[in-house]
Amino acid sequence: MNSKTPISRRTLAKSIGLGAGIAAGATLLGGIAAPAIVRAQAKTTLKLGHLANEENVWHKASLVFAEEVAKLTNGAVEVKVFPNEQLGKETDLIKGIQLGTIDFTITGESLQNWAPAAALLAVPYAIRDLDHLDKVVSGEPGRKIAESIEQKTQLVPLTYFARGPRNLTSKRPIKSPDELNGLKMRVPNVPLFVSFWQGLGAKPTPMAFSEVFTGLQNDTIEAQENPLALIKSASFYEVQKYVNQTEHVISWIYLVGGSKKMNKLPAEQRAAIMEAAKAAQAAERKLFIEDEAKLAADLKAKGMEFIAVDKAAFAEKGRPAVVAALSPEIKPIYDEILAVK
């Protein structure tokens, strides 16, 4: 086989699964079977840079990926992992892969700057739960999103990791969208998020994350929304009493590699990388579920109260604003995501 056979999106999807239930014996890249340990070759060193710290589950999964690549290539390929933005911020890492100075990173909806379909990785109330997420990413909507990313960015999604649901924290309990009326809250500078919360009746204010704690402390804002990991790491439990379990954004993020670099590798090494990505996803999912449970327990121990909310009411009231904010290019895929059972 020509070792520089281009990677097709459809073949890639078969090779890496992009879903939790992919059979271990699925055909890999270019028709190659799941690799055994391949023969020793001159070592190739590849760099994986990401934003998370050493305690984050993404970093731990990256280490599993590196270990599996080394094992499956009999040491011929070494992946060096650089956490904590050591190789640059997210945009720098994306551009570095496109230039060939970096080989892998972990990225998600930030790719919408190049591929609009990437915005669908984090749409309020598009994904219902983890089971729905797996079906979406491994199904037709996920295939279309991943193919769009590869075509427009030259980044190949190797596998995906689940992200912690975003929840609303506040100084009073909120169980229904009717209780949001006029709530001053911080949101990231994402137009879709601003539109969504305006549609629910709140007063969202884009604000740098570094300013949120002080804003909550001095009552410039009354609430904010983030995953549990950031709620804990930013010590919001010191200035917020309630975690309202809106789970309004359940999203995913990709481990990606550069298509140009991947095409230069021998086919057996590309296949080993795909197999290692599947192992990394399995490890990350186990760690992710354990981590979410621990984060909730830790926040409760620090005095936060978790409030069950009427998620159906939030989704219904906010959907018109979401639909209006989506471009005609990606609206059909959004509809496909909602239709996945």
C-alpha atoms as a PDB file:
ATOM      1  CA  MET A   1       0.000   0.000   0.000  1.00  0.00           C
ATOM      2  CA  ASN A   2       1.171   3.556  -0.726  1.00  0.00           C
ATOM      3  CA  SER A   3       2.202   4.908   2.673  1.00  0.00           C
ATOM      4  CA  LYS A   4       0.939   8.358   1.720  1.00  0.00           C
ATOM      5  CA  THR A   5      -2.633   7.395   0.921  1.00  0.00           C
ATOM      6  CA  PRO A   6      -4.793  10.459   1.784  1.00  0.00           C
ATOM      7  CA  ILE A   7      -7.134  10.175   4.744  1.00  0.00           C
ATOM      8  CA  SER A   8     -10.812  10.205   3.785  1.00  0.00           C
ATOM      9  CA  ARG A   9     -13.353  11.384   6.361  1.00  0.00           C
ATOM     10  CA  ARG A  10     -15.570   8.320   5.923  1.00  0.00           C
ATOM     11  CA  THR A  11     -12.653   5.907   6.310  1.00  0.00           C
ATOM     12  CA  LEU A  12     -11.459   7.861   9.329  1.00  0.00           C
ATOM     13  CA  ALA A  13     -14.853   7.614  11.001  1.00  0.00           C
ATOM     14  CA  LYS A  14     -14.782   3.860  10.574  1.00  0.00           C
ATOM     15  CA  SER A  15     -11.261   3.654  11.871  1.00  0.00           C
ATOM     16  CA  ILE A  16     -11.620   5.588  15.099  1.00  0.00           C
ATOM     17  CA  GLY A  17     -15.272   4.991  15.927  1.00  0.00           C
ATOM     18  CA  LEU A  18     -16.049   8.540  17.157  1.00  0.00           C
ATOM     19  CA  GLY A  19     -18.411   6.852  19.616  1.00  0.00           C
ATOM     20  CA  ALA A  20     -18.309   4.841  22.785  1.00  0.00           C
ATOM     21  CA  GLY A  21     -19.769   1.720  21.237  1.00  0.00           C
ATOM     22  CA  ILE A  22     -17.444   1.173  18.293  1.00  0.00           C
ATOM     23  CA  ALA A  23     -16.377  -2.419  17.846  1.00  0.00           C
ATOM     24  CA  ALA A  24     -12.733  -3.036  18.632  1.00  0.00           C
ATOM     25  CA  GLY A  25     -12.239  -4.900  15.395  1.00  0.00           C
ATOM     26  CA  ALA A  26     -13.501  -2.120  13.106  1.00  0.00           C
ATOM     27  CA  THR A  27     -11.491  -1.653   9.922  1.00  0.00           C
ATOM     28  CA  LEU A  28      -8.821   1.000  10.348  1.00  0.00           C
ATOM     29  CA  LEU A  29      -7.339   3.601   8.081  1.00  0.00           C
ATOM     30  CA  GLY A  30      -6.905   2.608   4.460  1.00  0.00           C
ATOM     31  CA  GLY A  31      -8.261  -0.897   5.020  1.00  0.00           C
ATOM     32  CA  ILE A  32      -5.587  -1.875   7.552  1.00  0.00           C
ATOM     33  CA  ALA A  33      -6.727  -4.145  10.350  1.00  0.00           C
ATOM     34  CA  ALA A  34      -6.342  -3.065  13.978  1.00  0.00           C
ATOM     35  CA  PRO A  35      -2.575  -2.987  14.397  1.00  0.00           C
ATOM     36  CA  ALA A  36      -0.522  -5.373  16.376  1.00  0.00           C
ATOM     37  CA  ILE A  37       2.795  -4.040  17.642  1.00  0.00           C
ATOM     38  CA  VAL A  38       4.557  -2.953  14.485  1.00  0.00           C
ATOM     39  CA  ARG A  39       8.217  -3.418  13.660  1.00  0.00           C
ATOM     40  CA  ALA A  40      10.804  -1.046  15.073  1.00  0.00           C
ATOM     41  CA  GLN A  41      11.720   1.950  12.924  1.00  0.00           C
ATOM     42  CA  ALA A  42      13.637   5.201  13.271  1.00  0.00           C
ATOM     43  CA  LYS A  43      11.870   7.201  15.985  1.00  0.00           C
ATOM     44  CA  THR A  44       9.424   9.948  15.011  1.00  0.00           C
ATOM     45  CA  THR A  45       8.650  12.501  17.725  1.00  0.00           C
ATOM     46  CA  LEU A  46       5.271  14.274  17.654  1.00  0.00           C
ATOM     47  CA  LYS A  47       4.049  17.095  19.923  1.00  0.00           C
ATOM     48  CA  LEU A  48       0.648  17.312  21.615  1.00  0.00           C
ATOM     49  CA  GLY A  49      -0.104  20.670  23.205  1.00  0.00           C
ATOM     50  CA  HIS A  50      -3.255  21.539  25.161  1.00  0.00           C
ATOM     51  CA  LEU A  51      -4.657  24.082  27.605  1.00  0.00           C
ATOM     52  CA  ALA A  52      -5.493  21.967  30.666  1.00  0.00           C
ATOM     53  CA  ASN A  53      -3.366  21.407  33.757  1.00  0.00           C
ATOM     54  CA  GLU A  54      -1.858  18.105  34.863  1.00  0.00           C
ATOM     55  CA  GLU A  55      -4.871  17.204  37.041  1.00  0.00           C
ATOM     56  CA  ASN A  56      -7.385  17.588  34.227  1.00  0.00           C
ATOM     57  CA  VAL A  57      -8.890  14.443  32.690  1.00  0.00           C
ATOM     58  CA  TRP A  58      -7.936  15.669  29.197  1.00  0.00           C
ATOM     59  CA  HIS A  59      -4.282  15.672  30.191  1.00  0.00           C
ATOM     60  CA  LYS A  60      -4.540  12.211  31.708  1.00  0.00           C
ATOM     61  CA  ALA A  61      -6.215  10.938  28.538  1.00  0.00           C
ATOM     62  CA  SER A  62      -3.447  12.575  26.475  1.00  0.00           C
ATOM     63  CA  LEU A  63      -0.879  10.586  28.433  1.00  0.00           C
ATOM     64  CA  VAL A  64      -2.818   7.383  27.678  1.00  0.00           C
ATOM     65  CA  PHE A  65      -2.777   8.355  23.998  1.00  0.00           C
ATOM     66  CA  ALA A  66       1.007   8.854  24.106  1.00  0.00           C
ATOM     67  CA  GLU A  67       1.571   5.544  25.901  1.00  0.00           C
ATOM     68  CA  GLU A  68      -0.594   3.627  23.434  1.00  0.00           C
ATOM     69  CA  VAL A  69       1.102   5.189  20.416  1.00  0.00           C
ATOM     70  CA  ALA A  70       4.508   4.165  21.762  1.00  0.00           C
ATOM     71  CA  LYS A  71       3.310   0.633  22.504  1.00  0.00           C
ATOM     72  CA  LEU A  72       1.541   0.090  19.194  1.00  0.00           C
ATOM     73  CA  THR A  73       4.492   1.378  17.153  1.00  0.00           C
ATOM     74  CA  ASN A  74       7.095  -0.471  19.228  1.00  0.00           C
ATOM     75  CA  GLY A  75       8.626   2.881  20.144  1.00  0.00           C
ATOM     76  CA  ALA A  76       8.888   4.112  16.546  1.00  0.00           C
ATOM     77  CA  VAL A  77       6.569   7.058  17.313  1.00  0.00           C
ATOM     78  CA  GLU A  78       6.876   9.122  20.475  1.00  0.00           C
ATOM     79  CA  VAL A  79       4.186  11.627  21.448  1.00  0.00           C
ATOM     80  CA  LYS A  80       5.351  14.332  23.854  1.00  0.00           C
ATOM     81  CA  VAL A  81       2.534  15.991  25.805  1.00  0.00           C
ATOM     82  CA  PHE A  82       2.707  19.692  26.739  1.00  0.00           C
ATOM     83  CA  PRO A  83      -0.087  20.853  29.124  1.00  0.00           C
ATOM     84  CA  ASN A  84      -0.798  24.333  30.545  1.00  0.00           C
ATOM     85  CA  GLU A  85      -0.542  26.237  27.247  1.00  0.00           C
ATOM     86  CA  GLN A  86       3.193  25.518  27.136  1.00  0.00           C
ATOM     87  CA  LEU A  87       3.052  25.557  23.331  1.00  0.00           C
ATOM     88  CA  GLY A  88       0.613  28.473  23.164  1.00  0.00           C
ATOM     89  CA  LYS A  89      -3.040  29.349  23.581  1.00  0.00           C
ATOM     90  CA  GLU A  90      -5.764  27.439  21.750  1.00  0.00           C
ATOM     91  CA  THR A  91      -5.659  29.550  18.577  1.00  0.00           C
ATOM     92  CA  ASP A  92      -1.856  29.306  18.539  1.00  0.00           C
ATOM     93  CA  LEU A  93      -2.063  25.522  18.763  1.00  0.00           C
ATOM     94  CA  ILE A  94      -4.571  25.311  15.920  1.00  0.00           C
ATOM     95  CA  LYS A  95      -2.406  27.484  13.700  1.00  0.00           C
ATOM     96  CA  GLY A  96       0.679  25.520  14.747  1.00  0.00           C
ATOM     97  CA  ILE A  97      -0.883  22.285  13.518  1.00  0.00           C
ATOM     98  CA  GLN A  98      -1.822  23.943  10.240  1.00  0.00           C
ATOM     99  CA  LEU A  99       1.798  25.097   9.858  1.00  0.00           C
ATOM    100  CA  GLY A 100       3.209  21.734  10.908  1.00  0.00           C
ATOM    101  CA  THR A 101       5.067  22.961  14.015  1.00  0.00           C
ATOM    102  CA  ILE A 102       2.665  21.117  16.373  1.00  0.00           C
ATOM    103  CA  ASP A 103       1.049  17.750  15.704  1.00  0.00           C
ATOM    104  CA  PHE A 104      -1.948  17.310  18.026  1.00  0.00           C
ATOM    105  CA  THR A 105      -4.181  19.389  20.289  1.00  0.00           C
ATOM    106  CA  ILE A 106      -7.554  19.282  22.045  1.00  0.00           C
ATOM    107  CA  THR A 107     -10.044  21.802  20.677  1.00  0.00           C
ATOM    108  CA  GLY A 108     -13.727  22.298  20.056  1.00  0.00           C
ATOM    109  CA  GLU A 109     -16.104  25.116  19.211  1.00  0.00           C
ATOM    110  CA  SER A 110     -13.192  27.542  18.795  1.00  0.00           C
ATOM    111  CA  LEU A 111     -12.777  25.935  15.377  1.00  0.00           C
ATOM    112  CA  GLN A 112     -15.937  27.755  14.238  1.00  0.00           C
ATOM    113  CA  ASN A 113     -13.633  30.659  13.321  1.00  0.00           C
ATOM    114  CA  TRP A 114     -12.603  28.429  10.398  1.00  0.00           C
ATOM    115  CA  ALA A 115     -15.432  25.874  10.157  1.00  0.00           C
ATOM    116  CA  PRO A 116     -18.886  27.251  11.140  1.00  0.00           C
ATOM    117  CA  ALA A 117     -20.189  23.722  11.815  1.00  0.00           C
ATOM    118  CA  ALA A 118     -17.891  23.528  14.854  1.00  0.00           C
ATOM    119  CA  ALA A 119     -20.288  25.898  16.638  1.00  0.00           C
ATOM    120  CA  LEU A 120     -22.612  22.894  16.957  1.00  0.00           C
ATOM    121  CA  LEU A 121     -20.288  21.326  19.544  1.00  0.00           C
ATOM    122  CA  ALA A 122     -21.766  23.646  22.202  1.00  0.00           C
ATOM    123  CA  VAL A 123     -25.375  24.649  21.480  1.00  0.00           C
ATOM    124  CA  PRO A 124     -27.774  25.130  24.417  1.00  0.00           C
ATOM    125  CA  TYR A 125     -30.053  22.115  24.850  1.00  0.00           C
ATOM    126  CA  ALA A 126     -28.999  20.430  21.602  1.00  0.00           C
ATOM    127  CA  ILE A 127     -27.489  17.434  23.446  1.00  0.00           C
ATOM    128  CA  ARG A 128     -29.718  15.793  26.039  1.00  0.00           C
ATOM    129  CA  ASP A 129     -27.269  13.514  27.888  1.00  0.00           C
ATOM    130  CA  LEU A 130     -24.121  11.431  27.401  1.00  0.00           C
ATOM    131  CA  ASP A 131     -25.951   8.650  25.569  1.00  0.00           C
ATOM    132  CA  HIS A 132     -27.407  11.163  23.120  1.00  0.00           C
ATOM    133  CA  LEU A 133     -23.977  12.765  22.716  1.00  0.00           C
ATOM    134  CA  ASP A 134     -22.386   9.441  21.753  1.00  0.00           C
ATOM    135  CA  LYS A 135     -25.120   8.740  19.203  1.00  0.00           C
ATOM    136  CA  VAL A 136     -24.793  12.208  17.684  1.00  0.00           C
ATOM    137  CA  VAL A 137     -21.010  12.193  17.363  1.00  0.00           C
ATOM    138  CA  SER A 138     -20.844   8.637  16.013  1.00  0.00           C
ATOM    139  CA  GLY A 139     -23.806   9.229  13.701  1.00  0.00           C
ATOM    140  CA  GLU A 140     -24.516  11.323  10.622  1.00  0.00           C
ATOM    141  CA  PRO A 141     -24.507  14.757  12.341  1.00  0.00           C
ATOM    142  CA  GLY A 142     -21.102  14.076  13.892  1.00  0.00           C
ATOM    143  CA  ARG A 143     -19.722  12.826  10.594  1.00  0.00           C
ATOM    144  CA  LYS A 144     -20.798  16.029   8.838  1.00  0.00           C
ATOM    145  CA  ILE A 145     -19.312  18.244  11.550  1.00  0.00           C
ATOM    146  CA  ALA A 146     -16.000  16.352  11.583  1.00  0.00           C
ATOM    147  CA  GLU A 147     -15.733  16.345   7.785  1.00  0.00           C
ATOM    148  CA  SER A 148     -16.376  20.083   7.685  1.00  0.00           C
ATOM    149  CA  ILE A 149     -13.646  20.649  10.273  1.00  0.00           C
ATOM    150  CA  GLU A 150     -11.133  18.571   8.320  1.00  0.00           C
ATOM    151  CA  GLN A 151     -11.962  20.182   4.985  1.00  0.00           C
ATOM    152  CA  LYS A 152     -11.802  23.753   6.263  1.00  0.00           C
ATOM    153  CA  THR A 153      -9.014  23.550   8.847  1.00  0.00           C
ATOM    154  CA  GLN A 154      -6.787  20.601   7.801  1.00  0.00           C
ATOM    155  CA  LEU A 155      -7.268  19.260  11.333  1.00  0.00           C
ATOM    156  CA  VAL A 156      -8.401  15.628  11.525  1.00  0.00           C
ATOM    157  CA  PRO A 157     -10.654  14.716  14.502  1.00  0.00           C
ATOM    158  CA  LEU A 158      -9.101  11.533  15.900  1.00  0.00           C
ATOM    159  CA  THR A 159     -11.573  11.022  18.743  1.00  0.00           C
ATOM    160  CA  TYR A 160     -13.668  13.102  21.139  1.00  0.00           C
ATOM    161  CA  PHE A 161     -14.006  13.719  24.860  1.00  0.00           C
ATOM    162  CA  ALA A 162     -17.172  14.657  26.761  1.00  0.00           C
ATOM    163  CA  ARG A 163     -17.219  17.990  28.565  1.00  0.00           C
ATOM    164  CA  GLY A 164     -18.798  18.766  31.908  1.00  0.00           C
ATOM    165  CA  PRO A 165     -22.319  20.245  31.567  1.00  0.00           C
ATOM    166  CA  ARG A 166     -22.618  23.991  32.102  1.00  0.00           C
ATOM    167  CA  ASN A 167     -24.730  24.909  35.128  1.00  0.00           C
ATOM    168  CA  LEU A 168     -26.050  28.220  36.437  1.00  0.00           C
ATOM    169  CA  THR A 169     -24.765  29.355  39.839  1.00  0.00           C
ATOM    170  CA  SER A 170     -26.533  32.088  41.794  1.00  0.00           C
ATOM    171  CA  LYS A 171     -27.176  33.611  45.200  1.00  0.00           C
ATOM    172  CA  ARG A 172     -30.794  32.405  45.211  1.00  0.00           C
ATOM    173  CA  PRO A 173     -32.327  29.133  43.995  1.00  0.00           C
ATOM    174  CA  ILE A 174     -33.688  29.143  40.446  1.00  0.00           C
ATOM    175  CA  LYS A 175     -35.948  26.293  39.355  1.00  0.00           C
ATOM    176  CA  SER A 176     -37.703  27.673  36.268  1.00  0.00           C
ATOM    177  CA  PRO A 177     -36.906  30.223  33.553  1.00  0.00           C
ATOM    178  CA  ASP A 178     -39.631  32.510  34.941  1.00  0.00           C
ATOM    179  CA  GLU A 179     -37.363  33.107  37.946  1.00  0.00           C
ATOM    180  CA  LEU A 180     -34.617  34.505  35.711  1.00  0.00           C
ATOM    181  CA  ASN A 181     -36.422  37.760  34.972  1.00  0.00           C
ATOM    182  CA  GLY A 182     -33.800  40.522  34.937  1.00  0.00           C
ATOM    183  CA  LEU A 183     -31.056  38.350  36.498  1.00  0.00           C
ATOM    184  CA  LYS A 184     -27.672  40.018  35.998  1.00  0.00           C
ATOM    185  CA  MET A 185     -25.325  37.228  34.965  1.00  0.00           C
ATOM    186  CA  ARG A 186     -21.958  36.750  33.334  1.00  0.00           C
ATOM    187  CA  VAL A 187     -21.600  34.780  30.119  1.00  0.00           C
ATOM    188  CA  PRO A 188     -18.516  34.219  27.953  1.00  0.00           C
ATOM    189  CA  ASN A 189     -18.200  36.400  24.853  1.00  0.00           C
ATOM    190  CA  VAL A 190     -20.170  33.946  22.693  1.00  0.00           C
ATOM    191  CA  PRO A 191     -23.054  35.592  20.798  1.00  0.00           C
ATOM    192  CA  LEU A 192     -25.130  32.395  20.887  1.00  0.00           C
ATOM    193  CA  PHE A 193     -24.901  32.258  24.691  1.00  0.00           C
ATOM    194  CA  VAL A 194     -25.886  35.926  24.990  1.00  0.00           C
ATOM    195  CA  SER A 195     -28.927  35.383  22.750  1.00  0.00           C
ATOM    196  CA  PHE A 196     -29.954  32.244  24.631  1.00  0.00           C
ATOM    197  CA  TRP A 197     -29.990  33.871  28.066  1.00  0.00           C
ATOM    198  CA  GLN A 198     -31.694  36.995  26.744  1.00  0.00           C
ATOM    199  CA  GLY A 199     -34.381  34.711  25.329  1.00  0.00           C
ATOM    200  CA  LEU A 200     -34.841  33.238  28.804  1.00  0.00           C
ATOM    201  CA  GLY A 201     -35.376  36.694  30.311  1.00  0.00           C
ATOM    202  CA  ALA A 202     -32.008  37.220  32.015  1.00  0.00           C
ATOM    203  CA  LYS A 203     -29.596  40.128  31.499  1.00  0.00           C
ATOM    204  CA  PRO A 204     -26.395  38.412  30.316  1.00  0.00           C
ATOM    205  CA  THR A 205     -23.159  40.400  30.301  1.00  0.00           C
ATOM    206  CA  PRO A 206     -20.032  39.149  28.487  1.00  0.00           C
ATOM    207  CA  MET A 207     -17.093  39.381  30.855  1.00  0.00           C
ATOM    208  CA  ALA A 208     -13.559  38.002  31.026  1.00  0.00           C
ATOM    209  CA  PHE A 209     -13.408  34.897  33.211  1.00  0.00           C
ATOM    210  CA  SER A 210     -10.693  36.492  35.361  1.00  0.00           C
ATOM    211  CA  GLU A 211     -13.165  39.226  36.381  1.00  0.00           C
ATOM    212  CA  VAL A 212     -16.074  36.980  37.365  1.00  0.00           C
ATOM    213  CA  PHE A 213     -15.171  36.313  41.003  1.00  0.00           C
ATOM    214  CA  THR A 214     -14.818  40.020  41.778  1.00  0.00           C
ATOM    215  CA  GLY A 215     -18.007  40.805  39.886  1.00  0.00           C
ATOM    216  CA  LEU A 216     -19.930  38.280  41.987  1.00  0.00           C
ATOM    217  CA  GLN A 217     -18.271  39.501  45.160  1.00  0.00           C
ATOM    218  CA  ASN A 218     -19.253  43.149  44.666  1.00  0.00           C
ATOM    219  CA  ASP A 219     -22.688  42.353  43.147  1.00  0.00           C
ATOM    220  CA  THR A 220     -21.903  43.760  39.717  1.00  0.00           C
ATOM    221  CA  ILE A 221     -23.359  40.432  38.595  1.00  0.00           C
ATOM    222  CA  GLU A 222     -25.600  38.026  40.503  1.00  0.00           C
ATOM    223  CA  ALA A 223     -24.897  34.774  38.699  1.00  0.00           C
ATOM    224  CA  GLN A 224     -22.689  32.974  36.194  1.00  0.00           C
ATOM    225  CA  GLU A 225     -22.701  29.678  34.271  1.00  0.00           C
ATOM    226  CA  ASN A 226     -19.877  27.154  33.894  1.00  0.00           C
ATOM    227  CA  PRO A 227     -19.025  23.461  34.324  1.00  0.00           C
ATOM    228  CA  LEU A 228     -18.443  22.180  37.850  1.00  0.00           C
ATOM    229  CA  ALA A 229     -14.690  21.995  37.307  1.00  0.00           C
ATOM    230  CA  LEU A 230     -14.438  25.750  36.718  1.00  0.00           C
ATOM    231  CA  ILE A 231     -16.919  26.536  39.495  1.00  0.00           C
ATOM    232  CA  LYS A 232     -14.592  24.745  41.888  1.00  0.00           C
ATOM    233  CA  SER A 233     -11.232  25.893  40.526  1.00  0.00           C
ATOM    234  CA  ALA A 234     -12.365  29.546  40.512  1.00  0.00           C
ATOM    235  CA  SER A 235     -13.662  29.234  44.112  1.00  0.00           C
ATOM    236  CA  PHE A 236     -17.106  30.488  43.145  1.00  0.00           C
ATOM    237  CA  TYR A 237     -18.437  28.587  46.157  1.00  0.00           C
ATOM    238  CA  GLU A 238     -17.137  31.499  48.238  1.00  0.00           C
ATOM    239  CA  VAL A 239     -19.499  33.971  46.542  1.00  0.00           C
ATOM    240  CA  GLN A 240     -22.342  31.762  45.231  1.00  0.00           C
ATOM    241  CA  LYS A 241     -24.657  29.550  47.262  1.00  0.00           C
ATOM    242  CA  TYR A 242     -26.579  27.584  44.632  1.00  0.00           C
ATOM    243  CA  VAL A 243     -25.748  25.332  41.678  1.00  0.00           C
ATOM    244  CA  ASN A 244     -28.927  25.321  39.601  1.00  0.00           C
ATOM    245  CA  GLN A 245     -28.647  22.132  37.533  1.00  0.00           C
ATOM    246  CA  THR A 246     -29.692  23.597  34.203  1.00  0.00           C
ATOM    247  CA  GLU A 247     -27.123  21.491  32.296  1.00  0.00           C
ATOM    248  CA  HIS A 248     -27.943  23.835  29.430  1.00  0.00           C
ATOM    249  CA  VAL A 249     -24.842  22.945  27.402  1.00  0.00           C
ATOM    250  CA  ILE A 250     -23.636  19.345  27.156  1.00  0.00           C
ATOM    251  CA  SER A 251     -20.816  19.350  24.657  1.00  0.00           C
ATOM    252  CA  TRP A 252     -17.768  17.566  23.363  1.00  0.00           C
ATOM    253  CA  ILE A 253     -14.251  18.426  22.281  1.00  0.00           C
ATOM    254  CA  TYR A 254     -11.933  16.763  19.783  1.00  0.00           C
ATOM    255  CA  LEU A 255      -8.432  15.367  19.973  1.00  0.00           C
ATOM    256  CA  VAL A 256      -7.175  16.461  16.547  1.00  0.00           C
ATOM    257  CA  GLY A 257      -4.094  15.909  14.412  1.00  0.00           C
ATOM    258  CA  GLY A 258      -2.833  17.658  11.299  1.00  0.00           C
ATOM    259  CA  SER A 259      -3.882  16.005   8.033  1.00  0.00           C
ATOM    260  CA  LYS A 260      -0.644  16.982   6.282  1.00  0.00           C
ATOM    261  CA  LYS A 261       1.538  15.412   8.971  1.00  0.00           C
ATOM    262  CA  MET A 262      -0.668  12.333   9.244  1.00  0.00           C
ATOM    263  CA  ASN A 263      -0.447  11.741   5.490  1.00  0.00           C
ATOM    264  CA  LYS A 264       3.350  11.753   5.675  1.00  0.00           C
ATOM    265  CA  LEU A 265       3.429   8.899   8.183  1.00  0.00           C
ATOM    266  CA  PRO A 266       3.545   5.241   7.104  1.00  0.00           C
ATOM    267  CA  ALA A 267       0.079   3.702   6.957  1.00  0.00           C
ATOM    268  CA  GLU A 268       0.795   1.333   9.855  1.00  0.00           C
ATOM    269  CA  GLN A 269       1.760   4.275  12.082  1.00  0.00           C
ATOM    270  CA  ARG A 270      -1.381   6.193  11.127  1.00  0.00           C
ATOM    271  CA  ALA A 271      -3.425   3.129  12.027  1.00  0.00           C
ATOM    272  CA  ALA A 272      -1.642   2.858  15.385  1.00  0.00           C
ATOM    273  CA  ILE A 273      -2.425   6.516  16.133  1.00  0.00           C
ATOM    274  CA  MET A 274      -6.111   5.919  15.404  1.00  0.00           C
ATOM    275  CA  GLU A 275      -6.159   2.869  17.665  1.00  0.00           C
ATOM    276  CA  ALA A 276      -4.420   4.835  20.432  1.00  0.00           C
ATOM    277  CA  ALA A 277      -7.044   7.574  20.118  1.00  0.00           C
ATOM    278  CA  LYS A 278      -9.795   5.026  20.840  1.00  0.00           C
ATOM    279  CA  ALA A 279      -7.956   3.918  23.981  1.00  0.00           C
ATOM    280  CA  ALA A 280      -7.603   7.553  25.076  1.00  0.00           C
ATOM    281  CA  GLN A 281     -11.329   8.130  24.668  1.00  0.00           C
ATOM    282  CA  ALA A 282     -12.224   5.083  26.761  1.00  0.00           C
ATOM    283  CA  ALA A 283      -9.852   6.215  29.506  1.00  0.00           C
ATOM    284  CA  GLU A 284     -11.131   9.787  29.425  1.00  0.00           C
ATOM    285  CA  ARG A 285     -14.787   8.750  29.704  1.00  0.00           C
ATOM    286  CA  LYS A 286     -14.134   6.673  32.825  1.00  0.00           C
ATOM    287  CA  LEU A 287     -12.136   9.501  34.409  1.00  0.00           C
ATOM    288  CA  PHE A 288     -14.727  12.083  33.349  1.00  0.00           C
ATOM    289  CA  ILE A 289     -17.628  10.296  35.052  1.00  0.00           C
ATOM    290  CA  GLU A 290     -15.604   9.797  38.233  1.00  0.00           C
ATOM    291  CA  ASP A 291     -14.444  13.425  38.177  1.00  0.00           C
ATOM    292  CA  GLU A 292     -17.950  14.889  37.777  1.00  0.00           C
ATOM    293  CA  ALA A 293     -19.181  12.923  40.816  1.00  0.00           C
ATOM    294  CA  LYS A 294     -16.199  14.046  42.886  1.00  0.00           C
ATOM    295  CA  LEU A 295     -16.609  17.695  41.866  1.00  0.00           C
ATOM    296  CA  ALA A 296     -20.264  17.688  42.946  1.00  0.00           C
ATOM    297  CA  ALA A 297     -19.355  16.127  46.293  1.00  0.00           C
ATOM    298  CA  ASP A 298     -16.553  18.646  46.840  1.00  0.00           C
ATOM    299  CA  LEU A 299     -18.792  21.638  46.083  1.00  0.00           C
ATOM    300  CA  LYS A 300     -21.500  20.337  48.401  1.00  0.00           C
ATOM    301  CA  ALA A 301     -18.888  19.902  51.123  1.00  0.00           C
ATOM    302  CA  LYS A 302     -17.943  23.557  50.625  1.00  0.00           C
ATOM    303  CA  GLY A 303     -21.535  24.610  51.259  1.00  0.00           C
ATOM    304  CA  MET A 304     -23.090  24.801  47.809  1.00  0.00           C
ATOM    305  CA  GLU A 305     -26.636  23.519  47.405  1.00  0.00           C
ATOM    306  CA  PHE A 306     -27.626  21.740  44.177  1.00  0.00           C
ATOM    307  CA  ILE A 307     -31.071  22.681  42.847  1.00  0.00           C
ATOM    308  CA  ALA A 308     -33.066  20.494  40.426  1.00  0.00           C
ATOM    309  CA  VAL A 309     -34.589  22.631  37.678  1.00  0.00           C
ATOM    310  CA  ASP A 310     -37.262  22.234  35.018  1.00  0.00           C
ATOM    311  CA  LYS A 311     -34.818  21.648  32.134  1.00  0.00           C
ATOM    312  CA  ALA A 312     -37.639  21.065  29.641  1.00  0.00           C
ATOM    313  CA  ALA A 313     -39.015  24.531  30.392  1.00  0.00           C
ATOM    314  CA  PHE A 314     -35.568  26.116  29.988  1.00  0.00           C
ATOM    315  CA  ALA A 315     -35.035  24.318  26.679  1.00  0.00           C
ATOM    316  CA  GLU A 316     -38.464  25.222  25.291  1.00  0.00           C
ATOM    317  CA  LYS A 317     -38.265  28.898  26.213  1.00  0.00           C
ATOM    318  CA  GLY A 318     -34.699  29.301  24.983  1.00  0.00           C
ATOM    319  CA  ARG A 319     -34.988  27.381  21.688  1.00  0.00           C
ATOM    320  CA  PRO A 320     -36.386  30.229  19.519  1.00  0.00           C
ATOM    321  CA  ALA A 321     -33.382  32.390  20.415  1.00  0.00           C
ATOM    322  CA  VAL A 322     -31.000  29.520  19.639  1.00  0.00           C
ATOM    323  CA  VAL A 323     -32.602  28.814  16.250  1.00  0.00           C
ATOM    324  CA  ALA A 324     -32.529  32.500  15.315  1.00  0.00           C
ATOM    325  CA  ALA A 325     -28.822  32.685  16.151  1.00  0.00           C
ATOM    326  CA  LEU A 326     -27.777  29.707  13.987  1.00  0.00           C
ATOM    327  CA  SER A 327     -26.622  30.382  10.433  1.00  0.00           C
ATOM    328  CA  PRO A 328     -28.527  28.781   7.516  1.00  0.00           C
ATOM    329  CA  GLU A 329     -25.369  26.748   6.797  1.00  0.00           C
ATOM    330  CA  ILE A 330     -25.489  24.813  10.054  1.00  0.00           C
ATOM    331  CA  LYS A 331     -29.198  24.911  10.971  1.00  0.00           C
ATOM    332  CA  PRO A 332     -29.950  21.626   9.083  1.00  0.00           C
ATOM    333  CA  ILE A 333     -27.294  19.753  11.104  1.00  0.00           C
ATOM    334  CA  TYR A 334     -28.739  21.203  14.317  1.00  0.00           C
ATOM    335  CA  ASP A 335     -32.125  19.785  13.308  1.00  0.00           C
ATOM    336  CA  GLU A 336     -30.484  16.402  12.693  1.00  0.00           C
ATOM    337  CA  ILE A 337     -28.931  16.488  16.177  1.00  0.00           C
ATOM    338  CA  LEU A 338     -32.332  17.110  17.787  1.00  0.00           C
ATOM    339  CA  ALA A 339     -33.828  14.250  15.769  1.00  0.00           C
ATOM    340  CA  VAL A 340     -31.316  11.646  16.973  1.00  0.00           C
ATOM    341  CA  LYS A 341     -33.063   9.285  19.406  1.00  0.00           C
END
